[in-house]
PDB file of N, CA and C in Angstrom:
ATOM      1  N   MET A   1      15.346 -13.125 -16.282  1.00  0.00           N
ATOM      2  CA  MET A   1      15.388 -14.456 -16.938  1.00  0.00           C
ATOM      3  C   MET A   1      14.367 -14.662 -17.955  1.00  0.00           C
ATOM      4  N   ALA A   2      13.211 -14.006 -17.679  1.00  0.00           N
ATOM      5  CA  ALA A   2      12.160 -14.243 -18.837  1.00  0.00           C
ATOM      6  C   ALA A   2      12.209 -13.276 -19.747  1.00  0.00           C
ATOM      7  N   LEU A   3      13.179 -12.107 -19.786  1.00  0.00           N
ATOM      8  CA  LEU A   3      13.305 -11.142 -20.642  1.00  0.00           C
ATOM      9  C   LEU A   3      14.296 -11.678 -21.728  1.00  0.00           C
ATOM     10  N   THR A   4      14.887 -12.574 -21.465  1.00  0.00           N
ATOM     11  CA  THR A   4      16.017 -13.107 -22.612  1.00  0.00           C
ATOM     12  C   THR A   4      15.255 -13.422 -23.934  1.00  0.00           C
ATOM     13  N   PRO A   5      14.078 -14.068 -24.197  1.00  0.00           N
ATOM     14  CA  PRO A   5      13.675 -14.247 -25.410  1.00  0.00           C
ATOM     15  C   PRO A   5      13.177 -12.949 -25.874  1.00  0.00           C
ATOM     16  N   ILE A   6      12.588 -11.968 -25.280  1.00  0.00           N
ATOM     17  CA  ILE A   6      12.281 -10.753 -25.781  1.00  0.00           C
ATOM     18  C   ILE A   6      13.356  -9.908 -26.278  1.00  0.00           C
ATOM     19  N   MET A   7      14.404  -9.912 -25.568  1.00  0.00           N
ATOM     20  CA  MET A   7      15.589  -9.117 -25.967  1.00  0.00           C
ATOM     21  C   MET A   7      16.272  -9.766 -27.395  1.00  0.00           C
ATOM     22  N   LEU A   8      16.197 -11.202 -27.505  1.00  0.00           N
ATOM     23  CA  LEU A   8      16.834 -11.791 -28.644  1.00  0.00           C
ATOM     24  C   LEU A   8      15.987 -11.705 -29.728  1.00  0.00           C
ATOM     25  N   LEU A   9      14.612 -11.371 -29.780  1.00  0.00           N
ATOM     26  CA  LEU A   9      13.730 -11.388 -31.020  1.00  0.00           C
ATOM     27  C   LEU A   9      14.386 -10.210 -31.982  1.00  0.00           C
ATOM     28  N   PRO A  10      14.476  -9.020 -31.385  1.00  0.00           N
ATOM     29  CA  PRO A  10      14.812  -7.921 -32.368  1.00  0.00           C
ATOM     30  C   PRO A  10      16.238  -8.138 -32.816  1.00  0.00           C
ATOM     31  N   ILE A  11      17.237  -8.672 -32.171  1.00  0.00           N
ATOM     32  CA  ILE A  11      18.578  -8.850 -32.403  1.00  0.00           C
ATOM     33  C   ILE A  11      18.614  -9.987 -33.708  1.00  0.00           C
ATOM     34  N   THR A  12      17.616 -11.025 -33.352  1.00  0.00           N
ATOM     35  CA  THR A  12      17.687 -11.978 -34.491  1.00  0.00           C
ATOM     36  C   THR A  12      17.063 -11.387 -35.698  1.00  0.00           C
ATOM     37  N   TYR A  13      16.133 -10.556 -35.596  1.00  0.00           N
ATOM     38  CA  TYR A  13      15.459 -10.118 -36.756  1.00  0.00           C
ATOM     39  C   TYR A  13      16.249  -8.880 -37.506  1.00  0.00           C
ATOM     40  N   PHE A  14      16.803  -7.965 -36.745  1.00  0.00           N
ATOM     41  CA  PHE A  14      17.385  -6.871 -37.527  1.00  0.00           C
ATOM     42  C   PHE A  14      18.888  -7.306 -37.755  1.00  0.00           C
ATOM     43  N   PHE A  15      19.620  -7.924 -36.952  1.00  0.00           N
ATOM     44  CA  PHE A  15      21.121  -8.133 -37.114  1.00  0.00           C
ATOM     45  C   PHE A  15      21.369  -9.540 -37.910  1.00  0.00           C
ATOM     46  N   LEU A  16      20.639 -10.410 -37.679  1.00  0.00           N
ATOM     47  CA  LEU A  16      20.904 -11.654 -38.282  1.00  0.00           C
ATOM     48  C   LEU A  16      20.185 -11.891 -39.327  1.00  0.00           C
ATOM     49  N   LYS A  17      19.285 -11.137 -39.730  1.00  0.00           N
ATOM     50  CA  LYS A  17      18.209 -11.145 -40.817  1.00  0.00           C
ATOM     51  C   LYS A  17      17.508 -12.460 -41.031  1.00  0.00           C
ATOM     52  N   GLU A  18      17.161 -12.915 -39.687  1.00  0.00           N
ATOM     53  CA  GLU A  18      16.313 -14.235 -39.835  1.00  0.00           C
ATOM     54  C   GLU A  18      14.959 -14.008 -39.689  1.00  0.00           C
ATOM     55  N   PRO A  19      13.951 -14.512 -40.425  1.00  0.00           N
ATOM     56  CA  PRO A  19      12.604 -14.263 -40.234  1.00  0.00           C
ATOM     57  C   PRO A  19      12.108 -14.840 -38.848  1.00  0.00           C
ATOM     58  N   LEU A  20      11.042 -13.926 -38.263  1.00  0.00           N
ATOM     59  CA  LEU A  20      10.421 -14.549 -37.275  1.00  0.00           C
ATOM     60  C   LEU A  20       9.224 -15.121 -37.580  1.00  0.00           C
ATOM     61  N   GLY A  21       9.092 -16.360 -37.348  1.00  0.00           N
ATOM     62  CA  GLY A  21       7.897 -17.212 -37.580  1.00  0.00           C
ATOM     63  C   GLY A  21       6.721 -17.229 -36.470  1.00  0.00           C
ATOM     64  N   PRO A  22       5.883 -17.755 -36.808  1.00  0.00           N
ATOM     65  CA  PRO A  22       4.620 -17.843 -35.758  1.00  0.00           C
ATOM     66  C   PRO A  22       5.198 -18.743 -34.657  1.00  0.00           C
ATOM     67  N   ARG A  23       5.918 -19.725 -34.812  1.00  0.00           N
ATOM     68  CA  ARG A  23       6.437 -20.594 -33.789  1.00  0.00           C
ATOM     69  C   ARG A  23       7.389 -19.778 -32.797  1.00  0.00           C
ATOM     70  N   THR A  24       8.154 -19.108 -33.186  1.00  0.00           N
ATOM     71  CA  THR A  24       9.087 -18.140 -32.521  1.00  0.00           C
ATOM     72  C   THR A  24       8.420 -17.131 -31.658  1.00  0.00           C
ATOM     73  N   VAL A  25       7.496 -16.554 -32.119  1.00  0.00           N
ATOM     74  CA  VAL A  25       6.630 -15.570 -31.323  1.00  0.00           C
ATOM     75  C   VAL A  25       5.841 -16.258 -30.426  1.00  0.00           C
ATOM     76  N   LEU A  26       5.249 -17.398 -30.616  1.00  0.00           N
ATOM     77  CA  LEU A  26       4.478 -18.149 -29.748  1.00  0.00           C
ATOM     78  C   LEU A  26       5.244 -18.780 -28.577  1.00  0.00           C
ATOM     79  N   GLY A  27       6.459 -19.317 -28.934  1.00  0.00           N
ATOM     80  CA  GLY A  27       7.349 -19.713 -27.906  1.00  0.00           C
ATOM     81  C   GLY A  27       7.769 -18.590 -27.064  1.00  0.00           C
ATOM     82  N   THR A  28       8.091 -17.427 -27.595  1.00  0.00           N
ATOM     83  CA  THR A  28       8.506 -16.270 -26.608  1.00  0.00           C
ATOM     84  C   THR A  28       7.305 -15.918 -25.764  1.00  0.00           C
ATOM     85  N   VAL A  29       6.066 -15.748 -26.208  1.00  0.00           N
ATOM     86  CA  VAL A  29       4.919 -15.514 -25.354  1.00  0.00           C
ATOM     87  C   VAL A  29       4.588 -16.506 -24.292  1.00  0.00           C
ATOM     88  N   LEU A  30       4.954 -17.935 -24.625  1.00  0.00           N
ATOM     89  CA  LEU A  30       4.592 -18.989 -23.648  1.00  0.00           C
ATOM     90  C   LEU A  30       5.732 -18.875 -22.585  1.00  0.00           C
ATOM     91  N   ALA A  31       6.959 -18.458 -22.892  1.00  0.00           N
ATOM     92  CA  ALA A  31       8.086 -18.407 -21.957  1.00  0.00           C
ATOM     93  C   ALA A  31       7.819 -17.317 -20.998  1.00  0.00           C
ATOM     94  N   VAL A  32       7.311 -16.185 -21.582  1.00  0.00           N
ATOM     95  CA  VAL A  32       7.085 -14.945 -20.673  1.00  0.00           C
ATOM     96  C   VAL A  32       5.906 -15.294 -19.895  1.00  0.00           C
ATOM     97  N   SER A  33       4.903 -15.660 -20.360  1.00  0.00           N
ATOM     98  CA  SER A  33       3.532 -16.020 -19.666  1.00  0.00           C
ATOM     99  C   SER A  33       3.717 -17.003 -18.528  1.00  0.00           C
ATOM    100  N   GLY A  34       4.605 -17.968 -18.857  1.00  0.00           N
ATOM    101  CA  GLY A  34       4.892 -18.925 -17.943  1.00  0.00           C
ATOM    102  C   GLY A  34       5.599 -18.400 -16.649  1.00  0.00           C
ATOM    103  N   THR A  35       6.701 -17.762 -16.925  1.00  0.00           N
ATOM    104  CA  THR A  35       7.352 -17.053 -15.843  1.00  0.00           C
ATOM    105  C   THR A  35       6.486 -16.140 -15.096  1.00  0.00           C
ATOM    106  N   ALA A  36       5.722 -15.483 -15.809  1.00  0.00           N
ATOM    107  CA  ALA A  36       4.786 -14.360 -14.935  1.00  0.00           C
ATOM    108  C   ALA A  36       3.949 -15.287 -14.104  1.00  0.00           C
ATOM    109  N   LEU A  37       3.355 -16.261 -14.637  1.00  0.00           N
ATOM    110  CA  LEU A  37       2.427 -17.313 -13.932  1.00  0.00           C
ATOM    111  C   LEU A  37       3.019 -17.836 -12.635  1.00  0.00           C
ATOM    112  N   ILE A  38       4.448 -18.115 -12.809  1.00  0.00           N
ATOM    113  CA  ILE A  38       5.002 -18.694 -11.684  1.00  0.00           C
ATOM    114  C   ILE A  38       5.196 -17.541 -10.675  1.00  0.00           C
ATOM    115  N   PHE A  39       5.573 -16.432 -11.023  1.00  0.00           N
ATOM    116  CA  PHE A  39       5.845 -15.402  -9.992  1.00  0.00           C
ATOM    117  C   PHE A  39       4.693 -14.717  -9.401  1.00  0.00           C
ATOM    118  N   LEU A  40       3.560 -14.911 -10.205  1.00  0.00           N
ATOM    119  CA  LEU A  40       2.183 -14.276  -9.621  1.00  0.00           C
ATOM    120  C   LEU A  40       1.624 -15.442  -8.844  1.00  0.00           C
ATOM    121  N   ALA A  41       1.741 -16.556  -8.759  1.00  0.00           N
ATOM    122  CA  ALA A  41       1.243 -17.649  -8.055  1.00  0.00           C
ATOM    123  C   ALA A  41       1.963 -17.732  -6.523  1.00  0.00           C
ATOM    124  N   VAL A  42       3.044 -17.193  -6.453  1.00  0.00           N
ATOM    125  CA  VAL A  42       3.905 -17.108  -5.222  1.00  0.00           C
ATOM    126  C   VAL A  42       3.386 -16.128  -4.358  1.00  0.00           C
TER     127      VAL A  42
END
């Protein structure tokens, strides 16, 4: 479930030709790190 934002970044950039802003990258990093934190805390 945490890999979805990571998989969508290249699709959005290469196929849809949308620029990746700092908010997009930061949101992806926060989503992945939050999920990792939950799994490591258990």
